[in-house]
Amino acid sequence: MEPAFTLGILYGCGCGFRTAQYFEQLAAYYLKSMSRVRVLIALTGKAERSVASSLLAQRAKHSGLEVAVVLTARQWREYLQNVSHGKAAECNPIIDAADRREVMKRCAERFSPPELFRLFIERCDLLVFQEHHAGAQMVGLLRELLTDMAVPLPVQYELLHPGYASLHYPADRKQYRIYGGPYYDPYQEIRQSVAYLRRNNFVIRAEHLPTVFVRKWRSEPPPGWYHYLTTPDDTDLIFRLRETPRHDHLSLKVFAYAYAVRHDMWAGGRQTPSGADAIRRFRQFGQLLEMIAARREAGERVESFDLMDFDGYDKLLKQYGWVQRPDEMNTRLCDE
């Protein structure tokens, strides 16, 4: 199942019915093009609780709408203990009705803004962050984290109609490949991926891989992709393949680039990665991305491992019970 499009609400809530109504309309707008929209909201205050309650009530009206709440350790503990006084009396019915709950165990009593912002950057496809309510300090912190993490997350800083919202990146990656559209740039995603890999020194922790990259790197390679991993000369051609509205080589380019760097293939005259091992590792790369996506979608914990540790793939896949079939071990060029 394709992961739900996740819309994060962070410091974007004002008190009152109109604000709650706006977020309902925002979710309905994206449900026109997405089969499922999950709204992620932290229960940080009264306004957030009001918006969460309103969205929960609208699920019957909007098929595909889901509500996920982010909680402190205390909020979760009080829910489990069925505390019926104070703020827990307002939070617990929301927690009980939510489609998903995410507990930030490191935030015992209250949310730490840097920890909360990082979670939303990792989990969301689009973030609504109303700078008027957040204040200059929080806006500065968010922008600093986005730059430091090198995550191309679309952020809407005002409560505008989504059709008129100013987004630096498109909410849907397909818009990069719509010729003549405002975001048309088929090469943008490989630049974003390279920047992210370099910023993290080619060590990518699976449990912290941002959703935007989970989606990008799971893109289906074109038919005959294995030809480009057969010999060193063919592999060198990967980085010269043209990106067009119909040809998406992103996953292949990301893999080949990271595989070459991690194996120091371009140092000391060593050859570019190629052959049966590279083909097998690319298949495993895709399998691990599918596993990450599936576990997150199921609300399960993703184990901690380095996604770019290609030599550790066999052990990882065996650990997860995902053993390659004999026909997957090698790809025959005549299969195409």
C-alpha atoms as a PDB file:
ATOM      1  CA  MET A   1       0.000   0.000   0.000  1.00  0.00           C
ATOM      2  CA  GLU A   2       1.288   3.439  -0.909  1.00  0.00           C
ATOM      3  CA  PRO A   3       1.949   5.539   2.229  1.00  0.00           C
ATOM      4  CA  ALA A   4      -0.656   8.186   2.934  1.00  0.00           C
ATOM      5  CA  PHE A   5       0.187  11.728   1.902  1.00  0.00           C
ATOM      6  CA  THR A   6       1.091  13.326   5.232  1.00  0.00           C
ATOM      7  CA  LEU A   7       0.123  16.913   5.943  1.00  0.00           C
ATOM      8  CA  GLY A   8       1.767  18.284   9.074  1.00  0.00           C
ATOM      9  CA  ILE A   9       0.275  21.091  11.163  1.00  0.00           C
ATOM     10  CA  LEU A  10       2.898  22.774  13.293  1.00  0.00           C
ATOM     11  CA  TYR A  11       2.470  26.127  15.026  1.00  0.00           C
ATOM     12  CA  GLY A  12      -0.311  26.805  12.561  1.00  0.00           C
ATOM     13  CA  CYS A  13      -3.361  26.743  14.778  1.00  0.00           C
ATOM     14  CA  GLY A  14      -5.334  29.666  16.046  1.00  0.00           C
ATOM     15  CA  CYS A  15      -8.360  29.314  18.269  1.00  0.00           C
ATOM     16  CA  GLY A  16     -11.749  29.275  16.662  1.00  0.00           C
ATOM     17  CA  PHE A  17     -13.954  27.401  14.222  1.00  0.00           C
ATOM     18  CA  ARG A  18     -12.591  29.138  11.109  1.00  0.00           C
ATOM     19  CA  THR A  19      -9.083  27.782  11.660  1.00  0.00           C
ATOM     20  CA  ALA A  20     -10.384  24.245  12.086  1.00  0.00           C
ATOM     21  CA  GLN A  21     -12.525  24.705   8.987  1.00  0.00           C
ATOM     22  CA  TYR A  22      -9.487  25.864   7.000  1.00  0.00           C
ATOM     23  CA  PHE A  23      -7.551  22.674   7.759  1.00  0.00           C
ATOM     24  CA  GLU A  24     -10.567  20.572   6.800  1.00  0.00           C
ATOM     25  CA  GLN A  25     -10.666  22.386   3.443  1.00  0.00           C
ATOM     26  CA  LEU A  26      -6.906  21.937   3.046  1.00  0.00           C
ATOM     27  CA  ALA A  27      -7.180  18.181   3.568  1.00  0.00           C
ATOM     28  CA  ALA A  28     -10.130  18.019   1.159  1.00  0.00           C
ATOM     29  CA  TYR A  29      -8.057  19.853  -1.478  1.00  0.00           C
ATOM     30  CA  TYR A  30      -5.284  17.259  -1.401  1.00  0.00           C
ATOM     31  CA  LEU A  31      -7.775  14.387  -1.292  1.00  0.00           C
ATOM     32  CA  LYS A  32      -8.722  15.390  -4.844  1.00  0.00           C
ATOM     33  CA  SER A  33      -5.365  14.090  -6.080  1.00  0.00           C
ATOM     34  CA  MET A  34      -4.348  11.730  -3.232  1.00  0.00           C
ATOM     35  CA  SER A  35      -6.288   8.620  -2.240  1.00  0.00           C
ATOM     36  CA  ARG A  36      -5.401   9.123   1.439  1.00  0.00           C
ATOM     37  CA  VAL A  37      -4.376  12.202   3.401  1.00  0.00           C
ATOM     38  CA  ARG A  38      -3.047  11.842   6.919  1.00  0.00           C
ATOM     39  CA  VAL A  39      -2.998  14.978   9.056  1.00  0.00           C
ATOM     40  CA  LEU A  40      -0.204  14.916  11.622  1.00  0.00           C
ATOM     41  CA  ILE A  41      -0.688  17.227  14.593  1.00  0.00           C
ATOM     42  CA  ALA A  42       0.982  17.527  17.985  1.00  0.00           C
ATOM     43  CA  LEU A  43      -1.347  18.142  20.921  1.00  0.00           C
ATOM     44  CA  THR A  44       0.642  21.126  22.120  1.00  0.00           C
ATOM     45  CA  GLY A  45      -2.205  23.383  23.233  1.00  0.00           C
ATOM     46  CA  LYS A  46      -5.905  24.190  23.224  1.00  0.00           C
ATOM     47  CA  ALA A  47      -5.955  25.349  19.595  1.00  0.00           C
ATOM     48  CA  GLU A  48      -4.310  22.131  18.383  1.00  0.00           C
ATOM     49  CA  ARG A  49      -6.768  20.055  20.386  1.00  0.00           C
ATOM     50  CA  SER A  50      -9.637  21.986  18.822  1.00  0.00           C
ATOM     51  CA  VAL A  51      -8.355  21.417  15.270  1.00  0.00           C
ATOM     52  CA  ALA A  52      -7.700  17.723  15.942  1.00  0.00           C
ATOM     53  CA  SER A  53     -11.226  17.242  17.312  1.00  0.00           C
ATOM     54  CA  SER A  54     -12.735  18.992  14.307  1.00  0.00           C
ATOM     55  CA  LEU A  55     -10.758  16.891  11.820  1.00  0.00           C
ATOM     56  CA  LEU A  56     -11.680  13.680  13.602  1.00  0.00           C
ATOM     57  CA  ALA A  57     -15.347  14.613  13.268  1.00  0.00           C
ATOM     58  CA  GLN A  58     -14.930  15.185   9.501  1.00  0.00           C
ATOM     59  CA  ARG A  59     -13.570  11.710   8.654  1.00  0.00           C
ATOM     60  CA  ALA A  60     -17.046  10.400   7.860  1.00  0.00           C
ATOM     61  CA  LYS A  61     -17.484  13.242   5.371  1.00  0.00           C
ATOM     62  CA  HIS A  62     -14.102  12.865   3.673  1.00  0.00           C
ATOM     63  CA  SER A  63     -13.198   9.324   2.680  1.00  0.00           C
ATOM     64  CA  GLY A  64      -9.454   8.830   2.944  1.00  0.00           C
ATOM     65  CA  LEU A  65      -8.897  11.398   5.685  1.00  0.00           C
ATOM     66  CA  GLU A  66      -6.829  10.176   8.646  1.00  0.00           C
ATOM     67  CA  VAL A  67      -5.709  11.944  11.803  1.00  0.00           C
ATOM     68  CA  ALA A  68      -2.443  11.139  13.573  1.00  0.00           C
ATOM     69  CA  VAL A  69      -1.483  12.765  16.871  1.00  0.00           C
ATOM     70  CA  VAL A  70       1.983  13.333  18.339  1.00  0.00           C
ATOM     71  CA  LEU A  71       2.194  12.988  22.116  1.00  0.00           C
ATOM     72  CA  THR A  72       4.585  13.573  24.973  1.00  0.00           C
ATOM     73  CA  ALA A  73       5.418  10.647  27.253  1.00  0.00           C
ATOM     74  CA  ARG A  74       3.176  12.150  29.914  1.00  0.00           C
ATOM     75  CA  GLN A  75       0.188  12.513  27.578  1.00  0.00           C
ATOM     76  CA  TRP A  76       0.509   8.882  26.577  1.00  0.00           C
ATOM     77  CA  ARG A  77       0.901   7.732  30.174  1.00  0.00           C
ATOM     78  CA  GLU A  78      -2.179   9.667  31.281  1.00  0.00           C
ATOM     79  CA  TYR A  79      -4.134   8.148  28.408  1.00  0.00           C
ATOM     80  CA  LEU A  80      -3.137   4.622  29.413  1.00  0.00           C
ATOM     81  CA  GLN A  81      -4.017   5.392  33.038  1.00  0.00           C
ATOM     82  CA  ASN A  82      -7.371   6.863  31.942  1.00  0.00           C
ATOM     83  CA  VAL A  83      -6.767  10.124  33.817  1.00  0.00           C
ATOM     84  CA  SER A  84      -9.992  12.133  33.761  1.00  0.00           C
ATOM     85  CA  HIS A  85      -8.982  15.550  35.065  1.00  0.00           C
ATOM     86  CA  GLY A  86      -6.966  18.526  33.833  1.00  0.00           C
ATOM     87  CA  LYS A  87      -5.741  18.633  30.229  1.00  0.00           C
ATOM     88  CA  ALA A  88      -5.923  14.848  30.048  1.00  0.00           C
ATOM     89  CA  ALA A  89      -9.713  15.111  30.090  1.00  0.00           C
ATOM     90  CA  GLU A  90      -9.495  16.971  26.752  1.00  0.00           C
ATOM     91  CA  CYS A  91      -6.600  15.003  25.251  1.00  0.00           C
ATOM     92  CA  ASN A  92      -7.706  11.461  25.990  1.00  0.00           C
ATOM     93  CA  PRO A  93     -10.850  11.398  23.791  1.00  0.00           C
ATOM     94  CA  ILE A  94      -8.753  12.758  20.906  1.00  0.00           C
ATOM     95  CA  ILE A  95      -6.031  10.164  21.462  1.00  0.00           C
ATOM     96  CA  ASP A  96      -8.628   7.418  21.651  1.00  0.00           C
ATOM     97  CA  ALA A  97     -10.283   8.452  18.370  1.00  0.00           C
ATOM     98  CA  ALA A  98      -7.070   9.110  16.422  1.00  0.00           C
ATOM     99  CA  ASP A  99      -6.100   6.794  13.583  1.00  0.00           C
ATOM    100  CA  ARG A 100      -2.487   6.819  14.731  1.00  0.00           C
ATOM    101  CA  ARG A 101      -0.447   7.946  17.743  1.00  0.00           C
ATOM    102  CA  GLU A 102       3.242   8.753  17.837  1.00  0.00           C
ATOM    103  CA  VAL A 103       4.821   9.075  21.274  1.00  0.00           C
ATOM    104  CA  MET A 104       7.971  11.170  21.663  1.00  0.00           C
ATOM    105  CA  LYS A 105       9.472   9.318  24.619  1.00  0.00           C
ATOM    106  CA  ARG A 106      12.350  11.796  24.881  1.00  0.00           C
ATOM    107  CA  CYS A 107       9.824  14.567  25.539  1.00  0.00           C
ATOM    108  CA  ALA A 108       8.713  13.582  29.030  1.00  0.00           C
ATOM    109  CA  GLU A 109       6.535  16.516  30.112  1.00  0.00           C
ATOM    110  CA  ARG A 110       6.535  18.950  27.200  1.00  0.00           C
ATOM    111  CA  PHE A 111       7.633  19.073  23.593  1.00  0.00           C
ATOM    112  CA  SER A 112      11.163  20.156  22.752  1.00  0.00           C
ATOM    113  CA  PRO A 113      10.851  22.375  19.627  1.00  0.00           C
ATOM    114  CA  PRO A 114      14.011  21.022  17.914  1.00  0.00           C
ATOM    115  CA  GLU A 115      12.950  17.391  18.531  1.00  0.00           C
ATOM    116  CA  LEU A 116       9.370  18.088  17.421  1.00  0.00           C
ATOM    117  CA  PHE A 117      10.456  19.949  14.290  1.00  0.00           C
ATOM    118  CA  ARG A 118      12.828  17.139  13.297  1.00  0.00           C
ATOM    119  CA  LEU A 119      10.046  14.575  13.640  1.00  0.00           C
ATOM    120  CA  PHE A 120       7.717  16.594  11.409  1.00  0.00           C
ATOM    121  CA  ILE A 121      10.460  17.182   8.832  1.00  0.00           C
ATOM    122  CA  GLU A 122      11.078  13.429   8.706  1.00  0.00           C
ATOM    123  CA  ARG A 123       7.432  12.355   8.610  1.00  0.00           C
ATOM    124  CA  CYS A 124       5.651  14.905   6.423  1.00  0.00           C
ATOM    125  CA  ASP A 125       5.111  15.450   2.702  1.00  0.00           C
ATOM    126  CA  LEU A 126       3.898  18.993   3.323  1.00  0.00           C
ATOM    127  CA  LEU A 127       4.154  21.171   6.411  1.00  0.00           C
ATOM    128  CA  VAL A 128       1.850  24.033   7.400  1.00  0.00           C
ATOM    129  CA  PHE A 129       3.751  26.332   9.715  1.00  0.00           C
ATOM    130  CA  GLN A 130       1.955  29.616  10.380  1.00  0.00           C
ATOM    131  CA  GLU A 131       4.809  32.019  11.051  1.00  0.00           C
ATOM    132  CA  HIS A 132       2.437  34.657  12.475  1.00  0.00           C
ATOM    133  CA  HIS A 133       1.579  32.359  15.399  1.00  0.00           C
ATOM    134  CA  ALA A 134       4.990  30.731  15.706  1.00  0.00           C
ATOM    135  CA  GLY A 135       7.087  33.898  16.046  1.00  0.00           C
ATOM    136  CA  ALA A 136      10.455  34.814  14.598  1.00  0.00           C
ATOM    137  CA  GLN A 137      12.481  32.509  16.861  1.00  0.00           C
ATOM    138  CA  MET A 138      10.538  29.365  15.938  1.00  0.00           C
ATOM    139  CA  VAL A 139      10.499  30.297  12.243  1.00  0.00           C
ATOM    140  CA  GLY A 140      14.263  30.733  12.363  1.00  0.00           C
ATOM    141  CA  LEU A 141      14.677  27.367  14.080  1.00  0.00           C
ATOM    142  CA  LEU A 142      12.586  25.563  11.458  1.00  0.00           C
ATOM    143  CA  ARG A 143      14.471  27.120   8.549  1.00  0.00           C
ATOM    144  CA  GLU A 144      17.790  26.347  10.197  1.00  0.00           C
ATOM    145  CA  LEU A 145      16.823  22.680  10.645  1.00  0.00           C
ATOM    146  CA  LEU A 146      15.556  22.365   7.071  1.00  0.00           C
ATOM    147  CA  THR A 147      18.873  23.725   5.803  1.00  0.00           C
ATOM    148  CA  ASP A 148      20.949  21.645   8.199  1.00  0.00           C
ATOM    149  CA  MET A 149      19.072  18.424   7.357  1.00  0.00           C
ATOM    150  CA  ALA A 150      19.042  19.216   3.595  1.00  0.00           C
ATOM    151  CA  VAL A 151      15.436  18.053   3.274  1.00  0.00           C
ATOM    152  CA  PRO A 152      13.414  19.581   0.390  1.00  0.00           C
ATOM    153  CA  LEU A 153      10.167  19.678   2.368  1.00  0.00           C
ATOM    154  CA  PRO A 154       7.402  21.951   1.039  1.00  0.00           C
ATOM    155  CA  VAL A 155       6.436  24.421   3.769  1.00  0.00           C
ATOM    156  CA  GLN A 156       3.372  26.658   3.676  1.00  0.00           C
ATOM    157  CA  TYR A 157       3.946  29.610   5.994  1.00  0.00           C
ATOM    158  CA  GLU A 158       0.474  31.176   5.701  1.00  0.00           C
ATOM    159  CA  LEU A 159      -3.091  29.902   5.809  1.00  0.00           C
ATOM    160  CA  LEU A 160      -3.803  30.556   2.144  1.00  0.00           C
ATOM    161  CA  HIS A 161      -5.880  28.580  -0.309  1.00  0.00           C
ATOM    162  CA  PRO A 162      -3.495  25.788  -1.371  1.00  0.00           C
ATOM    163  CA  GLY A 163      -3.921  26.747  -5.015  1.00  0.00           C
ATOM    164  CA  TYR A 164      -2.340  30.110  -4.232  1.00  0.00           C
ATOM    165  CA  ALA A 165       0.127  29.051  -1.549  1.00  0.00           C
ATOM    166  CA  SER A 166       3.763  29.878  -2.241  1.00  0.00           C
ATOM    167  CA  LEU A 167       5.754  26.641  -1.955  1.00  0.00           C
ATOM    168  CA  HIS A 168       9.449  26.414  -2.729  1.00  0.00           C
ATOM    169  CA  TYR A 169       8.991  22.715  -3.557  1.00  0.00           C
ATOM    170  CA  PRO A 170       5.881  21.010  -4.972  1.00  0.00           C
ATOM    171  CA  ALA A 171       3.676  19.006  -2.619  1.00  0.00           C
ATOM    172  CA  ASP A 172       3.566  16.177  -5.181  1.00  0.00           C
ATOM    173  CA  ARG A 173       6.855  15.075  -6.790  1.00  0.00           C
ATOM    174  CA  LYS A 174       5.039  14.371 -10.080  1.00  0.00           C
ATOM    175  CA  GLN A 175       4.885  18.124 -10.637  1.00  0.00           C
ATOM    176  CA  TYR A 176       8.626  18.143 -11.348  1.00  0.00           C
ATOM    177  CA  ARG A 177       7.815  16.268 -14.560  1.00  0.00           C
ATOM    178  CA  ILE A 178       4.788  18.170 -15.819  1.00  0.00           C
ATOM    179  CA  TYR A 179       6.159  19.997 -18.837  1.00  0.00           C
ATOM    180  CA  GLY A 180       5.295  23.687 -18.724  1.00  0.00           C
ATOM    181  CA  GLY A 181       4.250  23.553 -15.065  1.00  0.00           C
ATOM    182  CA  PRO A 182       5.615  25.984 -12.455  1.00  0.00           C
ATOM    183  CA  TYR A 183       7.852  23.293 -10.896  1.00  0.00           C
ATOM    184  CA  TYR A 184       9.025  21.613 -14.090  1.00  0.00           C
ATOM    185  CA  ASP A 185      12.631  20.536 -13.549  1.00  0.00           C
ATOM    186  CA  PRO A 186      13.290  16.790 -13.994  1.00  0.00           C
ATOM    187  CA  TYR A 187      16.844  17.188 -12.696  1.00  0.00           C
ATOM    188  CA  GLN A 188      15.861  18.901  -9.441  1.00  0.00           C
ATOM    189  CA  GLU A 189      15.314  15.675  -7.522  1.00  0.00           C
ATOM    190  CA  ILE A 190      18.752  14.236  -8.243  1.00  0.00           C
ATOM    191  CA  ARG A 191      20.307  17.502  -7.063  1.00  0.00           C
ATOM    192  CA  GLN A 192      18.244  17.305  -3.871  1.00  0.00           C
ATOM    193  CA  SER A 193      19.228  13.682  -3.275  1.00  0.00           C
ATOM    194  CA  VAL A 194      22.917  14.347  -3.845  1.00  0.00           C
ATOM    195  CA  ALA A 195      22.788  17.287  -1.433  1.00  0.00           C
ATOM    196  CA  TYR A 196      21.108  15.092   1.210  1.00  0.00           C
ATOM    197  CA  LEU A 197      23.642  12.284   0.772  1.00  0.00           C
ATOM    198  CA  ARG A 198      26.571  14.670   1.026  1.00  0.00           C
ATOM    199  CA  ARG A 199      25.157  16.485   4.040  1.00  0.00           C
ATOM    200  CA  ASN A 200      24.931  13.143   5.859  1.00  0.00           C
ATOM    201  CA  ASN A 201      28.343  11.954   4.644  1.00  0.00           C
ATOM    202  CA  PHE A 202      26.631   9.061   2.829  1.00  0.00           C
ATOM    203  CA  VAL A 203      25.460   7.530   6.123  1.00  0.00           C
ATOM    204  CA  ILE A 204      21.651   7.395   6.037  1.00  0.00           C
ATOM    205  CA  ARG A 205      19.913   6.097   9.148  1.00  0.00           C
ATOM    206  CA  ALA A 206      16.814   4.222   8.042  1.00  0.00           C
ATOM    207  CA  GLU A 207      14.741   5.266  11.063  1.00  0.00           C
ATOM    208  CA  HIS A 208      15.336   8.945  10.237  1.00  0.00           C
ATOM    209  CA  LEU A 209      14.998   8.819   6.437  1.00  0.00           C
ATOM    210  CA  PRO A 210      12.565  11.642   5.545  1.00  0.00           C
ATOM    211  CA  THR A 211       9.313  10.619   3.903  1.00  0.00           C
ATOM    212  CA  VAL A 212      10.033  12.857   0.911  1.00  0.00           C
ATOM    213  CA  PHE A 213      13.106  10.736   0.119  1.00  0.00           C
ATOM    214  CA  VAL A 214      11.323   7.450   0.828  1.00  0.00           C
ATOM    215  CA  ARG A 215       8.898   8.442  -1.933  1.00  0.00           C
ATOM    216  CA  LYS A 216      11.551   9.751  -4.342  1.00  0.00           C
ATOM    217  CA  TRP A 217      13.918   6.795  -4.035  1.00  0.00           C
ATOM    218  CA  ARG A 218      11.132   4.236  -4.483  1.00  0.00           C
ATOM    219  CA  SER A 219      10.502   5.526  -7.991  1.00  0.00           C
ATOM    220  CA  GLU A 220      10.300   2.724 -10.549  1.00  0.00           C
ATOM    221  CA  PRO A 221      13.383   2.569 -12.809  1.00  0.00           C
ATOM    222  CA  PRO A 222      12.815   2.339 -16.573  1.00  0.00           C
ATOM    223  CA  PRO A 223      12.750  -1.068 -18.317  1.00  0.00           C
ATOM    224  CA  GLY A 224      16.173  -2.560 -18.888  1.00  0.00           C
ATOM    225  CA  TRP A 225      17.746  -0.665 -16.001  1.00  0.00           C
ATOM    226  CA  TYR A 226      20.145  -3.518 -15.244  1.00  0.00           C
ATOM    227  CA  HIS A 227      21.979  -2.872 -18.530  1.00  0.00           C
ATOM    228  CA  TYR A 228      23.475   0.216 -16.900  1.00  0.00           C
ATOM    229  CA  LEU A 229      24.984  -1.816 -14.061  1.00  0.00           C
ATOM    230  CA  THR A 230      26.519  -4.506 -16.258  1.00  0.00           C
ATOM    231  CA  THR A 231      29.923  -3.030 -17.106  1.00  0.00           C
ATOM    232  CA  PRO A 232      31.899   0.006 -15.878  1.00  0.00           C
ATOM    233  CA  ASP A 233      31.357   1.845 -19.173  1.00  0.00           C
ATOM    234  CA  ASP A 234      27.608   1.271 -19.000  1.00  0.00           C
ATOM    235  CA  THR A 235      27.483   2.395 -15.367  1.00  0.00           C
ATOM    236  CA  ASP A 236      29.221   5.664 -16.211  1.00  0.00           C
ATOM    237  CA  LEU A 237      26.368   6.365 -18.623  1.00  0.00           C
ATOM    238  CA  ILE A 238      23.856   6.423 -15.733  1.00  0.00           C
ATOM    239  CA  PHE A 239      24.916   9.921 -14.742  1.00  0.00           C
ATOM    240  CA  ARG A 240      24.421  11.159 -18.311  1.00  0.00           C
ATOM    241  CA  LEU A 241      20.934   9.746 -18.772  1.00  0.00           C
ATOM    242  CA  ARG A 242      18.391  12.433 -19.566  1.00  0.00           C
ATOM    243  CA  GLU A 243      15.548  13.000 -17.147  1.00  0.00           C
ATOM    244  CA  THR A 244      12.296  13.619 -19.001  1.00  0.00           C
ATOM    245  CA  PRO A 245       8.594  13.602 -18.106  1.00  0.00           C
ATOM    246  CA  ARG A 246       8.501   9.913 -19.130  1.00  0.00           C
ATOM    247  CA  HIS A 247      11.947   8.724 -18.014  1.00  0.00           C
ATOM    248  CA  ASP A 248      12.648   8.637 -14.280  1.00  0.00           C
ATOM    249  CA  HIS A 249      16.152   7.402 -13.456  1.00  0.00           C
ATOM    250  CA  LEU A 250      16.268   8.874  -9.938  1.00  0.00           C
ATOM    251  CA  SER A 251      16.457   5.647  -7.902  1.00  0.00           C
ATOM    252  CA  LEU A 252      19.123   4.217 -10.209  1.00  0.00           C
ATOM    253  CA  LYS A 253      21.248   7.373 -10.082  1.00  0.00           C
ATOM    254  CA  VAL A 254      20.989   7.700  -6.292  1.00  0.00           C
ATOM    255  CA  PHE A 255      22.025   4.074  -5.821  1.00  0.00           C
ATOM    256  CA  ALA A 256      24.912   4.184  -8.301  1.00  0.00           C
ATOM    257  CA  TYR A 257      26.277   7.434  -6.874  1.00  0.00           C
ATOM    258  CA  ALA A 258      26.131   6.286  -3.239  1.00  0.00           C
ATOM    259  CA  TYR A 259      27.439   2.805  -4.117  1.00  0.00           C
ATOM    260  CA  ALA A 260      30.440   4.268  -5.915  1.00  0.00           C
ATOM    261  CA  VAL A 261      31.279   6.677  -3.100  1.00  0.00           C
ATOM    262  CA  ARG A 262      30.856   4.149  -0.291  1.00  0.00           C
ATOM    263  CA  HIS A 263      33.123   1.703  -2.125  1.00  0.00           C
ATOM    264  CA  ASP A 264      35.612   4.446  -2.994  1.00  0.00           C
ATOM    265  CA  MET A 265      35.264   3.441  -6.622  1.00  0.00           C
ATOM    266  CA  TRP A 266      36.506   6.715  -8.028  1.00  0.00           C
ATOM    267  CA  ALA A 267      39.706   6.829  -5.998  1.00  0.00           C
ATOM    268  CA  GLY A 268      43.071   5.497  -7.117  1.00  0.00           C
ATOM    269  CA  GLY A 269      41.865   4.513 -10.576  1.00  0.00           C
ATOM    270  CA  ARG A 270      39.406   1.907  -9.319  1.00  0.00           C
ATOM    271  CA  GLN A 271      36.474   1.098 -11.570  1.00  0.00           C
ATOM    272  CA  THR A 272      32.887   2.220 -11.198  1.00  0.00           C
ATOM    273  CA  PRO A 273      30.627  -0.415  -9.545  1.00  0.00           C
ATOM    274  CA  SER A 274      29.164  -2.883 -11.988  1.00  0.00           C
ATOM    275  CA  GLY A 275      28.227  -6.491 -12.562  1.00  0.00           C
ATOM    276  CA  ALA A 276      26.123  -9.033 -10.693  1.00  0.00           C
ATOM    277  CA  ASP A 277      26.883  -7.592  -7.248  1.00  0.00           C
ATOM    278  CA  ALA A 278      25.754  -4.078  -8.208  1.00  0.00           C
ATOM    279  CA  ILE A 279      22.551  -5.432  -9.775  1.00  0.00           C
ATOM    280  CA  ARG A 280      21.788  -7.489  -6.678  1.00  0.00           C
ATOM    281  CA  ARG A 281      22.510  -4.573  -4.336  1.00  0.00           C
ATOM    282  CA  PHE A 282      20.199  -2.295  -6.314  1.00  0.00           C
ATOM    283  CA  ARG A 283      17.374  -4.808  -5.955  1.00  0.00           C
ATOM    284  CA  GLN A 284      18.066  -5.037  -2.221  1.00  0.00           C
ATOM    285  CA  PHE A 285      18.182  -1.234  -1.957  1.00  0.00           C
ATOM    286  CA  GLY A 286      14.634  -1.167  -3.316  1.00  0.00           C
ATOM    287  CA  GLN A 287      13.519  -3.951  -0.978  1.00  0.00           C
ATOM    288  CA  LEU A 288      14.800  -2.116   2.075  1.00  0.00           C
ATOM    289  CA  LEU A 289      13.051   1.082   0.998  1.00  0.00           C
ATOM    290  CA  GLU A 290       9.827  -0.905   0.628  1.00  0.00           C
ATOM    291  CA  MET A 291      10.347  -2.328   4.110  1.00  0.00           C
ATOM    292  CA  ILE A 292      10.879   1.165   5.585  1.00  0.00           C
ATOM    293  CA  ALA A 293       7.745   2.457   3.858  1.00  0.00           C
ATOM    294  CA  ALA A 294       5.656  -0.555   4.921  1.00  0.00           C
ATOM    295  CA  ARG A 295       6.716  -0.403   8.569  1.00  0.00           C
ATOM    296  CA  ARG A 296       6.013   3.293   8.827  1.00  0.00           C
ATOM    297  CA  GLU A 297       2.653   2.856   7.185  1.00  0.00           C
ATOM    298  CA  ALA A 298       1.810   0.099   9.666  1.00  0.00           C
ATOM    299  CA  GLY A 299       2.873   2.303  12.570  1.00  0.00           C
ATOM    300  CA  GLU A 300       5.736  -0.047  13.417  1.00  0.00           C
ATOM    301  CA  ARG A 301       9.219   0.904  14.519  1.00  0.00           C
ATOM    302  CA  VAL A 302      11.884   0.963  11.821  1.00  0.00           C
ATOM    303  CA  GLU A 303      15.057  -0.743  12.975  1.00  0.00           C
ATOM    304  CA  SER A 304      18.194   1.361  13.140  1.00  0.00           C
ATOM    305  CA  PHE A 305      20.580   0.636  10.282  1.00  0.00           C
ATOM    306  CA  ASP A 306      22.608   2.488   7.666  1.00  0.00           C
ATOM    307  CA  LEU A 307      20.717   2.329   4.360  1.00  0.00           C
ATOM    308  CA  MET A 308      23.948   2.973   2.463  1.00  0.00           C
ATOM    309  CA  ASP A 309      25.848   0.094   4.083  1.00  0.00           C
ATOM    310  CA  PHE A 310      25.523  -2.051   0.963  1.00  0.00           C
ATOM    311  CA  ASP A 311      27.780  -4.833   2.263  1.00  0.00           C
ATOM    312  CA  GLY A 312      25.396  -5.328   5.181  1.00  0.00           C
ATOM    313  CA  TYR A 313      22.295  -5.871   3.015  1.00  0.00           C
ATOM    314  CA  ASP A 314      22.402  -9.683   3.051  1.00  0.00           C
ATOM    315  CA  LYS A 315      22.442  -9.800   6.847  1.00  0.00           C
ATOM    316  CA  LEU A 316      19.667  -7.191   7.126  1.00  0.00           C
ATOM    317  CA  LEU A 317      17.337  -8.905   4.699  1.00  0.00           C
ATOM    318  CA  LYS A 318      17.922 -12.263   6.341  1.00  0.00           C
ATOM    319  CA  GLN A 319      17.174 -10.675   9.708  1.00  0.00           C
ATOM    320  CA  TYR A 320      13.859  -9.330   8.377  1.00  0.00           C
ATOM    321  CA  GLY A 321      13.021 -12.667   6.764  1.00  0.00           C
ATOM    322  CA  TRP A 322      13.241 -11.239   3.262  1.00  0.00           C
ATOM    323  CA  VAL A 323      15.373 -13.829   1.472  1.00  0.00           C
ATOM    324  CA  GLN A 324      15.945 -13.351  -2.229  1.00  0.00           C
ATOM    325  CA  ARG A 325      14.538 -16.002  -4.527  1.00  0.00           C
ATOM    326  CA  PRO A 326      17.053 -17.789  -6.785  1.00  0.00           C
ATOM    327  CA  ASP A 327      15.664 -16.007  -9.851  1.00  0.00           C
ATOM    328  CA  GLU A 328      16.391 -12.650  -8.207  1.00  0.00           C
ATOM    329  CA  MET A 329      20.038 -13.398  -7.505  1.00  0.00           C
ATOM    330  CA  ASN A 330      21.074 -12.741 -11.077  1.00  0.00           C
ATOM    331  CA  THR A 331      19.366 -10.863 -13.874  1.00  0.00           C
ATOM    332  CA  ARG A 332      19.667 -12.237 -17.384  1.00  0.00           C
ATOM    333  CA  LEU A 333      20.032  -9.587 -20.067  1.00  0.00           C
ATOM    334  CA  CYS A 334      17.732 -11.581 -22.336  1.00  0.00           C
ATOM    335  CA  ASP A 335      14.807 -11.069 -19.922  1.00  0.00           C
ATOM    336  CA  GLU A 336      14.019  -7.669 -21.360  1.00  0.00           C
END
